[in-house]
């Protein structure tokens, strides 16, 4: 009969009782030394800490959260792990939350409301204290779960007239309109728009382009969008198609900086001078826009500041310094235009 594969024994989790037995003290004393060190002597704190380290003790945070009513966990749900916009949002959140004793968890939704719903259900089951969501589109069940949970929530990146709880970001429509108006002010009349992924924020930027073009009485014909992810390669592909279909195009507003960078490389491949023969602008003002030649014009968005402000709002709510309002709280951190380089000499 073939022998059964040997299974390594599962190690038993070290408990407060194990530490107490090793030191010959009570569990209450060990608990105080680890969780309320001011209530025991310095010598006892040192003994308990050293013993816990030797035995490999790990605190049971779930049990602690049940006792205190707080998990000290905040969950951030982002649509993309590779997009620098969301990594900067994360950096803005992490430091102030860590300084206040909270741990930031990250979930990846892939721009899917269904995946967002699944992740939120999971995080809420762990009793998280707060949620940070990117965007304002949520499934009906997500909205219901959040409303029933009483969890503090901040929606980030876009304008929200009626947030789930709190929201901080910028008016994406106004930003798209402002950049288009800057192009028009420079004398451009044939202005195209390139969009990829087409999430709500891109749709709002496109709406701003449409509004500016309509107000100026200009054609909105030069418009290309795709549901495919935004990338440098996609930017080159879309610009090639735009110039082939509308060779009279004088300027192009791209929904993201990576599309604009791809467009710039396509211009260089074609031998087109930027901005003399074609002006280009992107969106977000990422570091890459200052590393191209010419530097890329862009709408500069305050990603890290949005994260920092979201952390401030969450902590204020959790500390009882900020009460919920019937229609939620919305804060607009604005934007600025980076208009040199690829837009004007």
Foldseek 3Di string as FASTA:
>chain_A
DDDDDDDDDDDDADDLVNLCVVVVHDSVLLCCLVPVVVVDDPVSVVSSVVSCVVVVHDDDLLVVCVVVVASLEEEEEDADPPDVLVVLLVVLQQPVSVVVPHDYHYHHQVLDLVSVQVVVVVVVVSNHQEYEYEDQDHDPNSLVVCVVSVHHYEYEADFDQFGSFAYEHAHLLCLLLVVLVVLVVVPFQQEAEEEELPDPSLVSSVNSNVVNNVVVVGDHPLYYYYNHDDALCVLLVSLVVSCVVPVVHQEYEYAAPRSQNSVVVNCVVVVHDFNVRYAYAYEQPDPVQVVDAVRHKYKHTDSSVRSNVVNVVSVCVVVVNDDTDPRHYYYHPYIDIRQDGRSHD
